[in-house]
Amino acid sequence: MGPREKPRRTICHCLQVSEEDVLEAIFAHEIRDIEDITRYTQAGDGCTACHPALRKLCEKTISRDPRRSAPKDNSQVLAA
């Protein structure tokens, strides 16, 4: 890591997936729920302790992107 780089924030400690990795996948694959995040990054496929943080990232991204809408079955995004 260079002197100006910010450290990568690990969001899924079980599988060592960073928040940046999840955000990249959300934008690249138009992810809408935790199941999609897990499919593309493996995050959330371990103990599931990161699910609240993954859910927040997903909801924040969906709300900021007018081209996206919440999943028809909101339970995937809102389920604990």
PDB file of N, CA and C in Angstrom:
ATOM      1  N   MET A   1       0.841  -1.176   0.000  1.00  0.00           N
ATOM      2  CA  MET A   1       0.000   0.000   0.000  1.00  0.00           C
ATOM      3  C   MET A   1       0.887   1.240   0.000  1.00  0.00           C
ATOM      4  N   GLY A   2       0.618   2.155  -0.922  1.00  0.00           N
ATOM      5  CA  GLY A   2       1.385   3.377  -1.030  1.00  0.00           C
ATOM      6  C   GLY A   2       1.014   4.361   0.059  1.00  0.00           C
ATOM      7  N   PRO A   3       1.771   5.441   0.187  1.00  0.00           N
ATOM      8  CA  PRO A   3       1.540   6.401   1.266  1.00  0.00           C
ATOM      9  C   PRO A   3       0.204   7.126   1.166  1.00  0.00           C
ATOM     10  N   ARG A   4      -0.381   7.209  -0.018  1.00  0.00           N
ATOM     11  CA  ARG A   4      -1.644   7.929  -0.173  1.00  0.00           C
ATOM     12  C   ARG A   4      -2.860   7.014  -0.285  1.00  0.00           C
ATOM     13  N   GLU A   5      -2.638   5.728  -0.334  1.00  0.00           N
ATOM     14  CA  GLU A   5      -3.748   4.795  -0.457  1.00  0.00           C
ATOM     15  C   GLU A   5      -4.437   4.596   0.887  1.00  0.00           C
ATOM     16  N   LYS A   6      -5.774   4.541   0.843  1.00  0.00           N
ATOM     17  CA  LYS A   6      -6.521   4.241   2.048  1.00  0.00           C
ATOM     18  C   LYS A   6      -6.517   2.728   2.242  1.00  0.00           C
ATOM     19  N   PRO A   7      -6.454   2.283   3.495  1.00  0.00           N
ATOM     20  CA  PRO A   7      -6.526   0.839   3.723  1.00  0.00           C
ATOM     21  C   PRO A   7      -7.883   0.302   3.281  1.00  0.00           C
ATOM     22  N   ARG A   8      -7.877  -0.912   2.783  1.00  0.00           N
ATOM     23  CA  ARG A   8      -9.122  -1.537   2.345  1.00  0.00           C
ATOM     24  C   ARG A   8      -9.869  -2.023   3.572  1.00  0.00           C
ATOM     25  N   ARG A   9     -11.135  -1.688   3.648  1.00  0.00           N
ATOM     26  CA  ARG A   9     -11.965  -2.075   4.789  1.00  0.00           C
ATOM     27  C   ARG A   9     -12.563  -3.450   4.525  1.00  0.00           C
ATOM     28  N   THR A  10     -12.226  -4.409   5.366  1.00  0.00           N
ATOM     29  CA  THR A  10     -12.773  -5.754   5.222  1.00  0.00           C
ATOM     30  C   THR A  10     -14.202  -5.755   5.732  1.00  0.00           C
ATOM     31  N   ILE A  11     -15.118  -6.190   4.887  1.00  0.00           N
ATOM     32  CA  ILE A  11     -16.525  -6.236   5.261  1.00  0.00           C
ATOM     33  C   ILE A  11     -16.947  -7.662   5.620  1.00  0.00           C
ATOM     34  N   CYS A  12     -16.324  -8.648   5.001  1.00  0.00           N
ATOM     35  CA  CYS A  12     -16.590 -10.056   5.298  1.00  0.00           C
ATOM     36  C   CYS A  12     -15.284 -10.671   5.793  1.00  0.00           C
ATOM     37  N   HIS A  13     -15.194 -10.809   7.100  1.00  0.00           N
ATOM     38  CA  HIS A  13     -13.946 -11.302   7.696  1.00  0.00           C
ATOM     39  C   HIS A  13     -13.735 -12.791   7.440  1.00  0.00           C
ATOM     40  N   CYS A  14     -14.796 -13.556   7.374  1.00  0.00           N
ATOM     41  CA  CYS A  14     -14.661 -15.004   7.135  1.00  0.00           C
ATOM     42  C   CYS A  14     -13.944 -15.283   5.810  1.00  0.00           C
ATOM     43  N   LEU A  15     -14.329 -14.530   4.781  1.00  0.00           N
ATOM     44  CA  LEU A  15     -13.804 -14.795   3.446  1.00  0.00           C
ATOM     45  C   LEU A  15     -12.891 -13.679   2.935  1.00  0.00           C
ATOM     46  N   GLN A  16     -12.547 -12.730   3.831  1.00  0.00           N
ATOM     47  CA  GLN A  16     -11.617 -11.646   3.520  1.00  0.00           C
ATOM     48  C   GLN A  16     -12.023 -10.857   2.273  1.00  0.00           C
ATOM     49  N   VAL A  17     -13.273 -10.432   2.239  1.00  0.00           N
ATOM     50  CA  VAL A  17     -13.781  -9.631   1.121  1.00  0.00           C
ATOM     51  C   VAL A  17     -13.884  -8.184   1.596  1.00  0.00           C
ATOM     52  N   SER A  18     -13.337  -7.275   0.804  1.00  0.00           N
ATOM     53  CA  SER A  18     -13.352  -5.866   1.191  1.00  0.00           C
ATOM     54  C   SER A  18     -14.642  -5.181   0.743  1.00  0.00           C
ATOM     55  N   GLU A  19     -14.908  -4.052   1.383  1.00  0.00           N
ATOM     56  CA  GLU A  19     -16.061  -3.232   0.994  1.00  0.00           C
ATOM     57  C   GLU A  19     -15.905  -2.783  -0.456  1.00  0.00           C
ATOM     58  N   GLU A  20     -14.690  -2.459  -0.856  1.00  0.00           N
ATOM     59  CA  GLU A  20     -14.431  -2.031  -2.229  1.00  0.00           C
ATOM     60  C   GLU A  20     -14.777  -3.131  -3.226  1.00  0.00           C
ATOM     61  N   ASP A  21     -14.432  -4.385  -2.877  1.00  0.00           N
ATOM     62  CA  ASP A  21     -14.767  -5.515  -3.751  1.00  0.00           C
ATOM     63  C   ASP A  21     -16.275  -5.652  -3.922  1.00  0.00           C
ATOM     64  N   VAL A  22     -16.991  -5.478  -2.826  1.00  0.00           N
ATOM     65  CA  VAL A  22     -18.450  -5.591  -2.884  1.00  0.00           C
ATOM     66  C   VAL A  22     -19.031  -4.454  -3.716  1.00  0.00           C
ATOM     67  N   LEU A  23     -18.565  -3.240  -3.502  1.00  0.00           N
ATOM     68  CA  LEU A  23     -19.077  -2.106  -4.284  1.00  0.00           C
ATOM     69  C   LEU A  23     -18.793  -2.273  -5.769  1.00  0.00           C
ATOM     70  N   GLU A  24     -17.602  -2.743  -6.104  1.00  0.00           N
ATOM     71  CA  GLU A  24     -17.276  -2.985  -7.512  1.00  0.00           C
ATOM     72  C   GLU A  24     -18.246  -4.002  -8.113  1.00  0.00           C
ATOM     73  N   ALA A  25     -18.531  -5.056  -7.386  1.00  0.00           N
ATOM     74  CA  ALA A  25     -19.455  -6.082  -7.876  1.00  0.00           C
ATOM     75  C   ALA A  25     -20.876  -5.533  -8.001  1.00  0.00           C
ATOM     76  N   ILE A  26     -21.292  -4.719  -7.043  1.00  0.00           N
ATOM     77  CA  ILE A  26     -22.644  -4.141  -7.096  1.00  0.00           C
ATOM     78  C   ILE A  26     -22.814  -3.344  -8.387  1.00  0.00           C
ATOM     79  N   PHE A  27     -21.827  -2.535  -8.724  1.00  0.00           N
ATOM     80  CA  PHE A  27     -21.925  -1.718  -9.930  1.00  0.00           C
ATOM     81  C   PHE A  27     -21.731  -2.534 -11.203  1.00  0.00           C
ATOM     82  N   ALA A  28     -20.831  -3.476 -11.177  1.00  0.00           N
ATOM     83  CA  ALA A  28     -20.540  -4.262 -12.377  1.00  0.00           C
ATOM     84  C   ALA A  28     -21.663  -5.224 -12.744  1.00  0.00           C
ATOM     85  N   HIS A  29     -22.364  -5.740 -11.750  1.00  0.00           N
ATOM     86  CA  HIS A  29     -23.358  -6.781 -11.999  1.00  0.00           C
ATOM     87  C   HIS A  29     -24.780  -6.369 -11.645  1.00  0.00           C
ATOM     88  N   GLU A  30     -24.991  -5.101 -11.322  1.00  0.00           N
ATOM     89  CA  GLU A  30     -26.314  -4.604 -10.943  1.00  0.00           C
ATOM     90  C   GLU A  30     -26.949  -5.472  -9.860  1.00  0.00           C
ATOM     91  N   ILE A  31     -26.174  -5.731  -8.838  1.00  0.00           N
ATOM     92  CA  ILE A  31     -26.607  -6.526  -7.699  1.00  0.00           C
ATOM     93  C   ILE A  31     -27.722  -5.809  -6.954  1.00  0.00           C
ATOM     94  N   ARG A  32     -28.687  -6.591  -6.480  1.00  0.00           N
ATOM     95  CA  ARG A  32     -29.825  -6.015  -5.762  1.00  0.00           C
ATOM     96  C   ARG A  32     -30.079  -6.630  -4.401  1.00  0.00           C
ATOM     97  N   ASP A  33     -29.365  -7.705  -4.038  1.00  0.00           N
ATOM     98  CA  ASP A  33     -29.603  -8.331  -2.738  1.00  0.00           C
ATOM     99  C   ASP A  33     -28.374  -9.101  -2.271  1.00  0.00           C
ATOM    100  N   ILE A  34     -28.439  -9.596  -1.049  1.00  0.00           N
ATOM    101  CA  ILE A  34     -27.297 -10.310  -0.470  1.00  0.00           C
ATOM    102  C   ILE A  34     -26.986 -11.580  -1.252  1.00  0.00           C
ATOM    103  N   GLU A  35     -27.988 -12.242  -1.729  1.00  0.00           N
ATOM    104  CA  GLU A  35     -27.756 -13.456  -2.519  1.00  0.00           C
ATOM    105  C   GLU A  35     -26.882 -13.148  -3.732  1.00  0.00           C
ATOM    106  N   ASP A  36     -27.148 -12.037  -4.403  1.00  0.00           N
ATOM    107  CA  ASP A  36     -26.324 -11.626  -5.548  1.00  0.00           C
ATOM    108  C   ASP A  36     -24.905 -11.278  -5.104  1.00  0.00           C
ATOM    109  N   ILE A  37     -24.783 -10.562  -3.976  1.00  0.00           N
ATOM    110  CA  ILE A  37     -23.454 -10.204  -3.472  1.00  0.00           C
ATOM    111  C   ILE A  37     -22.636 -11.466  -3.240  1.00  0.00           C
ATOM    112  N   THR A  38     -23.251 -12.451  -2.599  1.00  0.00           N
ATOM    113  CA  THR A  38     -22.561 -13.710  -2.320  1.00  0.00           C
ATOM    114  C   THR A  38     -22.188 -14.428  -3.608  1.00  0.00           C
ATOM    115  N   ARG A  39     -23.078 -14.420  -4.584  1.00  0.00           N
ATOM    116  CA  ARG A  39     -22.817 -15.085  -5.864  1.00  0.00           C
ATOM    117  C   ARG A  39     -21.566 -14.520  -6.540  1.00  0.00           C
ATOM    118  N   TYR A  40     -21.400 -13.207  -6.505  1.00  0.00           N
ATOM    119  CA  TYR A  40     -20.304 -12.574  -7.231  1.00  0.00           C
ATOM    120  C   TYR A  40     -19.042 -12.347  -6.412  1.00  0.00           C
ATOM    121  N   THR A  41     -19.148 -12.286  -5.062  1.00  0.00           N
ATOM    122  CA  THR A  41     -17.972 -11.973  -4.253  1.00  0.00           C
ATOM    123  C   THR A  41     -17.667 -13.012  -3.189  1.00  0.00           C
ATOM    124  N   GLN A  42     -18.589 -13.888  -2.900  1.00  0.00           N
ATOM    125  CA  GLN A  42     -18.518 -14.862  -1.806  1.00  0.00           C
ATOM    126  C   GLN A  42     -18.773 -14.230  -0.447  1.00  0.00           C
ATOM    127  N   ALA A  43     -18.797 -12.893  -0.350  1.00  0.00           N
ATOM    128  CA  ALA A  43     -19.060 -12.236   0.932  1.00  0.00           C
ATOM    129  C   ALA A  43     -20.416 -12.680   1.461  1.00  0.00           C
ATOM    130  N   GLY A  44     -20.473 -12.931   2.751  1.00  0.00           N
ATOM    131  CA  GLY A  44     -21.732 -13.314   3.381  1.00  0.00           C
ATOM    132  C   GLY A  44     -22.009 -14.793   3.347  1.00  0.00           C
ATOM    133  N   ASP A  45     -21.093 -15.573   2.825  1.00  0.00           N
ATOM    134  CA  ASP A  45     -21.320 -17.007   2.691  1.00  0.00           C
ATOM    135  C   ASP A  45     -20.740 -17.799   3.861  1.00  0.00           C
ATOM    136  N   GLY A  46     -20.206 -17.096   4.865  1.00  0.00           N
ATOM    137  CA  GLY A  46     -19.636 -17.770   6.027  1.00  0.00           C
ATOM    138  C   GLY A  46     -20.595 -17.693   7.198  1.00  0.00           C
ATOM    139  N   CYS A  47     -20.197 -16.967   8.223  1.00  0.00           N
ATOM    140  CA  CYS A  47     -20.983 -16.907   9.461  1.00  0.00           C
ATOM    141  C   CYS A  47     -22.200 -15.995   9.352  1.00  0.00           C
ATOM    142  N   THR A  48     -22.289 -15.181   8.350  1.00  0.00           N
ATOM    143  CA  THR A  48     -23.356 -14.214   8.046  1.00  0.00           C
ATOM    144  C   THR A  48     -23.341 -12.982   8.954  1.00  0.00           C
ATOM    145  N   ALA A  49     -22.310 -12.799   9.762  1.00  0.00           N
ATOM    146  CA  ALA A  49     -22.229 -11.611  10.617  1.00  0.00           C
ATOM    147  C   ALA A  49     -22.149 -10.320   9.803  1.00  0.00           C
ATOM    148  N   CYS A  50     -21.692 -10.410   8.568  1.00  0.00           N
ATOM    149  CA  CYS A  50     -21.557  -9.220   7.719  1.00  0.00           C
ATOM    150  C   CYS A  50     -22.851  -8.859   6.993  1.00  0.00           C
ATOM    151  N   HIS A  51     -23.885  -9.673   7.108  1.00  0.00           N
ATOM    152  CA  HIS A  51     -25.119  -9.406   6.372  1.00  0.00           C
ATOM    153  C   HIS A  51     -25.694  -8.013   6.628  1.00  0.00           C
ATOM    154  N   PRO A  52     -25.716  -7.508   7.868  1.00  0.00           N
ATOM    155  CA  PRO A  52     -26.234  -6.139   8.046  1.00  0.00           C
ATOM    156  C   PRO A  52     -25.440  -5.090   7.258  1.00  0.00           C
ATOM    157  N   ALA A  53     -24.117  -5.209   7.254  1.00  0.00           N
ATOM    158  CA  ALA A  53     -23.283  -4.255   6.508  1.00  0.00           C
ATOM    159  C   ALA A  53     -23.481  -4.417   5.004  1.00  0.00           C
ATOM    160  N   LEU A  54     -23.588  -5.659   4.534  1.00  0.00           N
ATOM    161  CA  LEU A  54     -23.837  -5.901   3.110  1.00  0.00           C
ATOM    162  C   LEU A  54     -25.187  -5.339   2.703  1.00  0.00           C
ATOM    163  N   ARG A  55     -26.178  -5.524   3.548  1.00  0.00           N
ATOM    164  CA  ARG A  55     -27.526  -5.021   3.280  1.00  0.00           C
ATOM    165  C   ARG A  55     -27.500  -3.497   3.161  1.00  0.00           C
ATOM    166  N   LYS A  56     -26.767  -2.827   4.073  1.00  0.00           N
ATOM    167  CA  LYS A  56     -26.666  -1.363   4.029  1.00  0.00           C
ATOM    168  C   LYS A  56     -26.027  -0.891   2.728  1.00  0.00           C
ATOM    169  N   LEU A  57     -24.936  -1.523   2.338  1.00  0.00           N
ATOM    170  CA  LEU A  57     -24.281  -1.152   1.076  1.00  0.00           C
ATOM    171  C   LEU A  57     -25.223  -1.305  -0.104  1.00  0.00           C
ATOM    172  N   CYS A  58     -25.934  -2.408  -0.120  1.00  0.00           N
ATOM    173  CA  CYS A  58     -26.856  -2.692  -1.209  1.00  0.00           C
ATOM    174  C   CYS A  58     -27.974  -1.649  -1.240  1.00  0.00           C
ATOM    175  N   GLU A  59     -28.577  -1.389  -0.092  1.00  0.00           N
ATOM    176  CA  GLU A  59     -29.677  -0.420  -0.023  1.00  0.00           C
ATOM    177  C   GLU A  59     -29.210   0.980  -0.404  1.00  0.00           C
ATOM    178  N   LYS A  60     -28.032   1.370   0.086  1.00  0.00           N
ATOM    179  CA  LYS A  60     -27.488   2.694  -0.222  1.00  0.00           C
ATOM    180  C   LYS A  60     -27.246   2.839  -1.720  1.00  0.00           C
ATOM    181  N   THR A  61     -26.699   1.815  -2.323  1.00  0.00           N
ATOM    182  CA  THR A  61     -26.387   1.848  -3.749  1.00  0.00           C
ATOM    183  C   THR A  61     -27.662   1.902  -4.580  1.00  0.00           C
ATOM    184  N   ILE A  62     -28.641   1.090  -4.232  1.00  0.00           N
ATOM    185  CA  ILE A  62     -29.912   1.079  -4.957  1.00  0.00           C
ATOM    186  C   ILE A  62     -30.594   2.443  -4.844  1.00  0.00           C
ATOM    187  N   SER A  63     -30.583   3.033  -3.656  1.00  0.00           N
ATOM    188  CA  SER A  63     -31.276   4.310  -3.464  1.00  0.00           C
ATOM    189  C   SER A  63     -30.599   5.453  -4.210  1.00  0.00           C
ATOM    190  N   ARG A  64     -29.305   5.334  -4.487  1.00  0.00           N
ATOM    191  CA  ARG A  64     -28.572   6.399  -5.195  1.00  0.00           C
ATOM    192  C   ARG A  64     -28.580   6.232  -6.704  1.00  0.00           C
ATOM    193  N   ASP A  65     -29.042   5.103  -7.188  1.00  0.00           N
ATOM    194  CA  ASP A  65     -29.015   4.839  -8.626  1.00  0.00           C
ATOM    195  C   ASP A  65     -30.442   4.768  -9.149  1.00  0.00           C
ATOM    196  N   PRO A  66     -30.913   5.800  -9.838  1.00  0.00           N
ATOM    197  CA  PRO A  66     -32.294   5.829 -10.299  1.00  0.00           C
ATOM    198  C   PRO A  66     -32.620   4.748 -11.325  1.00  0.00           C
ATOM    199  N   ARG A  67     -31.611   4.138 -11.941  1.00  0.00           N
ATOM    200  CA  ARG A  67     -31.871   3.084 -12.922  1.00  0.00           C
ATOM    201  C   ARG A  67     -32.248   1.773 -12.257  1.00  0.00           C
ATOM    202  N   ARG A  68     -31.998   1.682 -10.980  1.00  0.00           N
ATOM    203  CA  ARG A  68     -32.291   0.437 -10.261  1.00  0.00           C
ATOM    204  C   ARG A  68     -33.546   0.597  -9.428  1.00  0.00           C
ATOM    205  N   SER A  69     -34.154  -0.518  -9.159  1.00  0.00           N
ATOM    206  CA  SER A  69     -35.272  -0.515  -8.226  1.00  0.00           C
ATOM    207  C   SER A  69     -35.035  -1.649  -7.253  1.00  0.00           C
ATOM    208  N   ALA A  70     -35.687  -1.574  -6.131  1.00  0.00           N
ATOM    209  CA  ALA A  70     -35.552  -2.632  -5.122  1.00  0.00           C
ATOM    210  C   ALA A  70     -36.092  -3.929  -5.705  1.00  0.00           C
ATOM    211  N   PRO A  71     -35.625  -5.055  -5.208  1.00  0.00           N
ATOM    212  CA  PRO A  71     -36.148  -6.331  -5.702  1.00  0.00           C
ATOM    213  C   PRO A  71     -37.650  -6.421  -5.461  1.00  0.00           C
ATOM    214  N   LYS A  72     -38.325  -7.151  -6.324  1.00  0.00           N
ATOM    215  CA  LYS A  72     -39.768  -7.312  -6.170  1.00  0.00           C
ATOM    216  C   LYS A  72     -40.100  -7.892  -4.811  1.00  0.00           C
ATOM    217  N   ASP A  73     -39.316  -8.876  -4.371  1.00  0.00           N
ATOM    218  CA  ASP A  73     -39.492  -9.470  -3.060  1.00  0.00           C
ATOM    219  C   ASP A  73     -38.445  -8.840  -2.159  1.00  0.00           C
ATOM    220  N   ASN A  74     -38.829  -7.812  -1.427  1.00  0.00           N
ATOM    221  CA  ASN A  74     -37.902  -7.052  -0.597  1.00  0.00           C
ATOM    222  C   ASN A  74     -37.293  -7.868   0.531  1.00  0.00           C
ATOM    223  N   SER A  75     -37.760  -9.082   0.755  1.00  0.00           N
ATOM    224  CA  SER A  75     -37.250  -9.886   1.856  1.00  0.00           C
ATOM    225  C   SER A  75     -35.778 -10.207   1.705  1.00  0.00           C
ATOM    226  N   GLN A  76     -35.249 -10.298   0.481  1.00  0.00           N
ATOM    227  CA  GLN A  76     -33.838 -10.596   0.277  1.00  0.00           C
ATOM    228  C   GLN A  76     -32.952  -9.472   0.780  1.00  0.00           C
ATOM    229  N   VAL A  77     -33.381  -8.228   0.605  1.00  0.00           N
ATOM    230  CA  VAL A  77     -32.598  -7.090   1.045  1.00  0.00           C
ATOM    231  C   VAL A  77     -32.814  -6.861   2.531  1.00  0.00           C
ATOM    232  N   LEU A  78     -34.029  -7.030   3.003  1.00  0.00           N
ATOM    233  CA  LEU A  78     -34.355  -6.670   4.377  1.00  0.00           C
ATOM    234  C   LEU A  78     -34.258  -7.817   5.368  1.00  0.00           C
ATOM    235  N   ALA A  79     -34.189  -9.045   4.905  1.00  0.00           N
ATOM    236  CA  ALA A  79     -34.136 -10.185   5.822  1.00  0.00           C
ATOM    237  C   ALA A  79     -32.810 -10.196   6.567  1.00  0.00           C
ATOM    238  N   ALA A  80     -32.865 -10.602   7.787  1.00  0.00           N
ATOM    239  CA  ALA A  80     -31.640 -10.647   8.613  1.00  0.00           C
ATOM    240  C   ALA A  80     -30.922 -11.957   8.435  1.00  0.00           C
TER     241      ALA A  80
END
